[in-house]
């Protein structure tokens, strides 16, 4: 079963010297990431991940947290719609 997650994140490129566009390009290229975009508000980017299991999602989150230019992440699991009766 494919599992989806919405991950919100904050960038911190000033300390690392990385450029935001380069960081988002690296984020978008992670296996399982289907979409990644800049957003406004308290977070700088979002991504949609589609994975087969919790272990694959954990790998994405770990990669993000270890990536230069990413300060913080928040993961929200997406639950499948209930089938109509």
N, C-alpha and C. Protein backbone atom coordinates (compact mmCIF):
# COMPACT_ATOMS: atom_id res chain seq x y z
N UNK A 1 0.83 -1.17 0.00
CA UNK A 1 0.00 0.00 0.00
C UNK A 1 0.89 1.25 0.00
N UNK A 2 0.59 2.17 -0.89
CA UNK A 2 1.35 3.42 -0.94
C UNK A 2 0.89 4.32 0.20
N UNK A 3 1.83 4.89 0.87
CA UNK A 3 1.54 5.82 1.96
C UNK A 3 2.02 7.20 1.53
N UNK A 4 1.24 8.20 1.88
CA UNK A 4 1.60 9.58 1.54
C UNK A 4 1.91 10.35 2.81
N UNK A 5 2.79 11.34 2.63
CA UNK A 5 3.10 12.25 3.73
C UNK A 5 3.32 13.64 3.16
N UNK A 6 2.90 14.63 3.91
CA UNK A 6 3.18 16.03 3.63
C UNK A 6 4.26 16.44 4.61
N UNK A 7 5.36 16.94 4.11
CA UNK A 7 6.44 17.39 4.98
C UNK A 7 6.65 18.88 4.75
N UNK A 8 6.58 19.63 5.84
CA UNK A 8 6.85 21.07 5.82
C UNK A 8 8.23 21.30 6.38
N UNK A 9 8.93 22.29 5.86
CA UNK A 9 10.28 22.52 6.36
C UNK A 9 10.71 23.97 6.32
N UNK A 10 11.74 24.25 7.09
CA UNK A 10 12.36 25.57 7.12
C UNK A 10 13.77 25.45 6.60
N UNK A 11 14.16 26.44 5.81
CA UNK A 11 15.52 26.48 5.28
C UNK A 11 16.39 27.35 6.15
N UNK A 12 17.67 27.05 6.18
CA UNK A 12 18.67 27.87 6.88
C UNK A 12 19.91 27.89 6.02
N UNK A 13 19.88 28.70 5.00
CA UNK A 13 20.98 28.71 4.05
C UNK A 13 22.08 29.70 4.44
N UNK A 14 21.79 30.61 5.34
CA UNK A 14 22.80 31.60 5.70
C UNK A 14 23.99 30.97 6.43
N UNK A 15 23.71 30.02 7.30
CA UNK A 15 24.79 29.40 8.07
C UNK A 15 25.63 28.44 7.23
N UNK A 16 25.00 27.81 6.24
CA UNK A 16 25.71 26.80 5.47
C UNK A 16 26.28 27.33 4.16
N UNK A 17 25.80 28.49 3.73
CA UNK A 17 26.25 29.04 2.46
C UNK A 17 25.60 28.41 1.26
N UNK A 18 24.62 27.52 1.49
CA UNK A 18 23.93 26.91 0.37
C UNK A 18 22.85 27.85 -0.14
N UNK A 19 22.52 27.72 -1.42
CA UNK A 19 21.48 28.55 -2.01
C UNK A 19 20.15 27.83 -1.88
N UNK A 20 19.07 28.57 -1.57
CA UNK A 20 17.76 27.94 -1.40
C UNK A 20 17.35 27.10 -2.61
N UNK A 21 17.58 27.59 -3.81
CA UNK A 21 17.17 26.85 -5.01
C UNK A 21 17.91 25.51 -5.10
N UNK A 22 19.20 25.52 -4.77
CA UNK A 22 19.98 24.27 -4.79
C UNK A 22 19.46 23.28 -3.74
N UNK A 23 19.12 23.80 -2.57
CA UNK A 23 18.60 22.94 -1.50
C UNK A 23 17.27 22.32 -1.92
N UNK A 24 16.38 23.12 -2.50
CA UNK A 24 15.09 22.58 -2.93
C UNK A 24 15.26 21.57 -4.06
N UNK A 25 16.22 21.79 -4.93
CA UNK A 25 16.50 20.82 -6.00
C UNK A 25 16.96 19.50 -5.42
N UNK A 26 17.81 19.54 -4.40
CA UNK A 26 18.26 18.30 -3.74
C UNK A 26 17.10 17.61 -3.04
N UNK A 27 16.23 18.40 -2.40
CA UNK A 27 15.06 17.83 -1.73
C UNK A 27 14.16 17.12 -2.74
N UNK A 28 13.90 17.77 -3.86
CA UNK A 28 13.01 17.22 -4.88
C UNK A 28 13.56 15.94 -5.51
N UNK A 29 14.88 15.77 -5.45
CA UNK A 29 15.49 14.59 -6.08
C UNK A 29 15.56 13.37 -5.16
N UNK A 30 15.15 13.51 -3.91
CA UNK A 30 15.17 12.38 -2.99
C UNK A 30 14.20 11.29 -3.46
N UNK A 31 14.58 10.03 -3.37
CA UNK A 31 13.66 8.95 -3.75
C UNK A 31 12.37 9.02 -2.93
N UNK A 32 11.24 8.94 -3.61
CA UNK A 32 9.95 8.98 -2.93
C UNK A 32 9.31 10.34 -2.90
N UNK A 33 10.07 11.40 -3.20
CA UNK A 33 9.51 12.75 -3.20
C UNK A 33 8.83 12.99 -4.55
N UNK A 34 7.53 13.25 -4.52
CA UNK A 34 6.75 13.44 -5.75
C UNK A 34 6.61 14.90 -6.13
N UNK A 35 6.71 15.80 -5.15
CA UNK A 35 6.56 17.24 -5.42
C UNK A 35 7.25 17.99 -4.29
N UNK A 36 7.88 19.11 -4.63
CA UNK A 36 8.51 19.97 -3.63
C UNK A 36 8.47 21.39 -4.16
N UNK A 37 7.98 22.31 -3.34
CA UNK A 37 7.81 23.71 -3.75
C UNK A 37 8.08 24.64 -2.58
N UNK A 38 8.45 25.88 -2.93
CA UNK A 38 8.53 26.94 -1.93
C UNK A 38 7.11 27.34 -1.55
N UNK A 39 6.94 27.77 -0.29
CA UNK A 39 5.65 28.28 0.17
C UNK A 39 5.87 29.50 1.05
N UNK A 40 4.80 30.24 1.30
CA UNK A 40 4.88 31.37 2.23
C UNK A 40 4.29 30.95 3.56
N UNK A 41 4.55 31.72 4.58
CA UNK A 41 4.04 31.42 5.90
C UNK A 41 5.16 30.99 6.83
N UNK A 42 4.84 30.26 7.88
CA UNK A 42 5.86 29.89 8.86
C UNK A 42 6.87 28.86 8.35
N UNK A 43 6.56 28.20 7.23
CA UNK A 43 7.49 27.23 6.65
C UNK A 43 7.95 27.74 5.29
N UNK A 44 9.11 27.24 4.84
CA UNK A 44 9.69 27.70 3.58
C UNK A 44 9.39 26.79 2.40
N UNK A 45 9.15 25.51 2.68
CA UNK A 45 8.87 24.58 1.59
C UNK A 45 7.95 23.47 2.07
N UNK A 46 7.34 22.81 1.10
CA UNK A 46 6.60 21.59 1.39
C UNK A 46 7.05 20.53 0.41
N UNK A 47 6.84 19.30 0.78
CA UNK A 47 7.03 18.22 -0.17
C UNK A 47 5.97 17.17 0.08
N UNK A 48 5.65 16.46 -0.98
CA UNK A 48 4.74 15.32 -0.91
C UNK A 48 5.59 14.08 -1.15
N UNK A 49 5.53 13.16 -0.22
CA UNK A 49 6.25 11.90 -0.36
C UNK A 49 5.24 10.77 -0.54
N UNK A 50 5.57 9.86 -1.42
CA UNK A 50 4.77 8.64 -1.61
C UNK A 50 5.73 7.47 -1.46
N UNK A 51 5.47 6.65 -0.44
CA UNK A 51 6.38 5.54 -0.13
C UNK A 51 5.58 4.26 0.09
N UNK A 52 6.27 3.14 0.04
CA UNK A 52 5.62 1.85 0.25
C UNK A 52 5.52 1.45 1.72
N UNK A 53 6.40 2.04 2.54
CA UNK A 53 6.38 1.64 3.95
C UNK A 53 7.00 2.73 4.82
N UNK A 54 6.88 2.54 6.12
CA UNK A 54 7.36 3.52 7.10
C UNK A 54 8.87 3.69 7.02
N UNK A 55 9.58 2.64 6.71
CA UNK A 55 11.04 2.71 6.62
C UNK A 55 11.48 3.68 5.51
N UNK A 56 10.80 3.65 4.37
CA UNK A 56 11.14 4.57 3.28
C UNK A 56 10.86 6.01 3.68
N UNK A 57 9.77 6.25 4.40
CA UNK A 57 9.47 7.59 4.87
C UNK A 57 10.52 8.05 5.87
N UNK A 58 10.94 7.16 6.73
CA UNK A 58 11.98 7.49 7.70
C UNK A 58 13.29 7.89 7.01
N UNK A 59 13.61 7.23 5.91
CA UNK A 59 14.82 7.57 5.15
C UNK A 59 14.74 8.98 4.58
N UNK A 60 13.56 9.36 4.08
CA UNK A 60 13.38 10.72 3.55
C UNK A 60 13.56 11.74 4.66
N UNK A 61 12.90 11.52 5.79
CA UNK A 61 12.98 12.46 6.91
C UNK A 61 14.41 12.57 7.42
N UNK A 62 15.10 11.45 7.55
CA UNK A 62 16.49 11.47 8.00
C UNK A 62 17.37 12.23 7.01
N UNK A 63 17.17 11.99 5.72
CA UNK A 63 17.95 12.70 4.70
C UNK A 63 17.72 14.20 4.79
N UNK A 64 16.48 14.61 5.00
CA UNK A 64 16.17 16.04 5.12
C UNK A 64 16.86 16.64 6.33
N UNK A 65 16.77 15.97 7.45
CA UNK A 65 17.34 16.51 8.69
C UNK A 65 18.87 16.58 8.66
N UNK A 66 19.49 15.75 7.82
CA UNK A 66 20.95 15.77 7.69
C UNK A 66 21.43 16.68 6.57
N UNK A 67 20.51 17.21 5.77
CA UNK A 67 20.86 18.00 4.60
C UNK A 67 21.27 19.42 4.99
N UNK A 68 22.42 19.87 4.47
CA UNK A 68 22.82 21.26 4.66
C UNK A 68 21.76 22.17 4.07
N UNK A 69 21.37 23.18 4.82
CA UNK A 69 20.39 24.14 4.35
C UNK A 69 18.99 23.89 4.85
N UNK A 70 18.74 22.74 5.47
CA UNK A 70 17.43 22.45 6.05
C UNK A 70 17.55 22.56 7.57
N UNK A 71 16.74 23.45 8.13
CA UNK A 71 16.82 23.69 9.57
C UNK A 71 15.87 22.80 10.35
N UNK A 72 14.64 22.66 9.87
CA UNK A 72 13.62 21.96 10.66
C UNK A 72 12.59 21.36 9.72
N UNK A 73 11.99 20.24 10.14
CA UNK A 73 10.92 19.63 9.35
C UNK A 73 9.76 19.23 10.25
N UNK A 74 8.59 19.14 9.64
CA UNK A 74 7.40 18.65 10.33
C UNK A 74 6.69 17.71 9.36
N UNK A 75 6.49 16.48 9.79
CA UNK A 75 5.89 15.46 8.93
C UNK A 75 4.44 15.22 9.32
N UNK A 76 3.57 15.26 8.32
CA UNK A 76 2.14 15.00 8.52
C UNK A 76 1.76 13.81 7.64
N UNK A 77 1.27 12.75 8.24
CA UNK A 77 0.82 11.60 7.46
C UNK A 77 -0.52 11.91 6.81
N UNK A 78 -0.69 11.45 5.58
CA UNK A 78 -1.94 11.63 4.85
C UNK A 78 -2.70 10.31 4.90
N UNK A 79 -3.90 10.34 5.43
CA UNK A 79 -4.71 9.13 5.54
C UNK A 79 -5.57 8.97 4.30
N UNK A 80 -5.74 7.73 3.86
CA UNK A 80 -6.55 7.51 2.67
C UNK A 80 -8.01 7.88 2.92
N UNK A 81 -8.68 8.28 1.86
CA UNK A 81 -10.11 8.59 1.96
C UNK A 81 -10.87 7.33 2.28
N UNK A 82 -11.91 7.49 3.04
CA UNK A 82 -12.79 6.35 3.34
C UNK A 82 -13.63 6.06 2.10
N UNK A 83 -13.80 4.81 1.80
CA UNK A 83 -14.66 4.44 0.68
C UNK A 83 -16.10 4.76 1.03
N UNK A 84 -16.81 5.32 0.05
CA UNK A 84 -18.24 5.63 0.27
C UNK A 84 -19.04 4.34 0.27
N UNK A 85 -20.01 4.28 1.16
CA UNK A 85 -20.87 3.09 1.25
C UNK A 85 -22.06 3.22 0.32
